[in-house]
């Protein structure tokens, strides 16, 4: 790795303009694709392969008997005006391909009408069809108001909303990052390099997402998640390298020598961190949902892009800048530094922490335990409608439909029965259950070999109350089907939601095991220690637990509702797995940056205590600056994003803040002080298995 990075530094020194020109060409070539990255994204991908709802969807494919997931709501001041508008709407729908209109449901004495719309194309194209309907039909006139409702319409509007939210988050995030970088570096030129890298990575990531969406189904959530991670990790990686580059220049080295040493040390940490982050994000592939897997693919792509840019584009920019990186200085209060470049404040902090390691561990551990205390009462849910603002066009209209005919009207429970007598009995008896608004007449499907009973629930199909009603329906229907020797298949939105919960819950434990094992093995190879990786993977669980606890307090218990924020009363299911993977990946970032510096010093002959003190003092400022940048980026998305993105932003901001402060600056040095030389224990047989690592010749001077 060191040899590879040294060659990269030499290439950047000899051909900086060519490297920059290559990246500029990539930006120009990818600009259009980046601007259109959401064109082929999907609101689907939540089906669990082999599940009952998936089988039901297959049996009902192309059949009107399943009911409509789309509808057009027409409301007006008079029944005549609504009837005239309804005729016009029907004519426009019939002129479109892949959609058809059913019989309208007239309400409120004809002043409101709900027209069912059937989509004939593949499910992945339903959101596009809803978008075309909205573009053609939505209007607010003097006599009538027309809106498109249903899940595909929600995802259609979310596609537009997410674009605006992404722009808002980036417009808020990038200036915050610049301010923090200027405060950290003290010069505008030094601050611009990481910012440029962040912009480049995010723009090219958009083009990559566009390309991926043409090959595989990519979720609408991928753009916000990729942008959030891309900005933070690209700026963080470049911050580490630029900090080391400036440090080497201050010692009187040439630009080429400074570049080689910066890339050999911090660049190595960046490559190692990139591997760790990719492994952690790869755990998301264990969840059997294409939507989450697509987010994982996009996130892995942006991390790889950030690493490549950090070891190619950034060195080229630094080679062109040279010692001019100290220009345009901004006078800010600076911590006094010792002759060796270490920050005396952090050195004093480390000495105090190491002097009382048990007390430090008790206080820090107690704080994290308090933050994680709400975790046992966590309640998760998936509610696609909440991804839209409360006053949005589709959400307001869907809420109106729920008031008029029940929230479950466009998302009935689908009971598919292989026997006509069983289906008829189920239809009669289910209609009398609590929580059931109506049971539709039995209809033949799949060439008459199956009978469908559509059950309309009184509740929003994604609420816990709907799931409880579904359980009552199944408990009633299953014995009836068994008594007739029939097969029962249950489908619909409520059933799908339950399967998604189970898939995420089962995948979460597989993810935890995968992340712990792979993180440990990666750190074992990189740090050549049996104890340090064990400590790292265990401590990182504390950061995740603290993030989960804060999410429960804010979004489930509503502790911030007094500010005007309206908590949804639950934590989004997908947020749990995303926070676990991203937090573990980014925690490895700080862990490797800190421990590789400490290891350099330990191998150079310093005692464990002195290596920890010097390594933390030299790294703490960079780590805290990097963490503040991450918190600012995640905070920007928490302010501007949809409900799930808000939760993800808050959770990641808490996890990274806790990790970079309480964990990295208190727990790690205290634990390493207690462990002493055991930190670096590696059995002889294992040392022979692992590839030998050349000890840095200049660690003592660094």
Foldseek 3Di string as FASTA:
>chain_A
DLVVLLVLLVCLLVPLVVLQVVLVVLLVVLQVLLVCLLVLAFQAQLFFPPALQVVVCVQCQQPCVQPAQKKKKKAFDDLVLSVVLVVVLQVVQVVDPQKHWDDWDADPNNRMIIIGMHGNDDPRCLLVVLLVSCVPRADDDPTMGMAMAGDSVLVNVLSVQQVVLQVQLCVQQLVVQQVLLCVLQQANLLSVLLSVQLVSLLSSLSSVSSVVSVPDHEHSVQNLLQNLLLNLLLSLLLLQLSLQLVLVVVVPDFSSVSSSVSCSFSVVLLVLLLVLLLLLLVLQVLQSTRHSVNSSVSNNVSSVSSSVCNSNNSSSSSSVCTPVSCPRGHDDDDADADPLRFRPVLLVLLVVLLVCLVVLCVVLVVVLCVLLVQQVVADAFDDSLQLDPCPDRHSVVLVVCCVTPRNQPSWWKKKKKQDPVLVVVLQVVLQPDPQWVHWDDWDATSVRRIIIITTGGRHNLGDVVVLVSVVVSCVVSVVSRVVVVMDIRIHTDNVSRVVSLVSLVVSQVSSLVSSLVVQQVSCCQVLVANPQSVVLSVLLVSLLSSLSSVLCVCQQVNPPCVVVDDHPNHAYSSLSSVLSSNSSSVLSSLVSSQSSLLSLVVLVPDFLSVSNSRSCSNCLSSLQSSLVSSLSSLCSCLVSGGPNSVSNSSSNNSSSNSSSDSNPSNNVSSVSSVCTPSRNDHDPVRCVVHDDDDRDPCSVSD
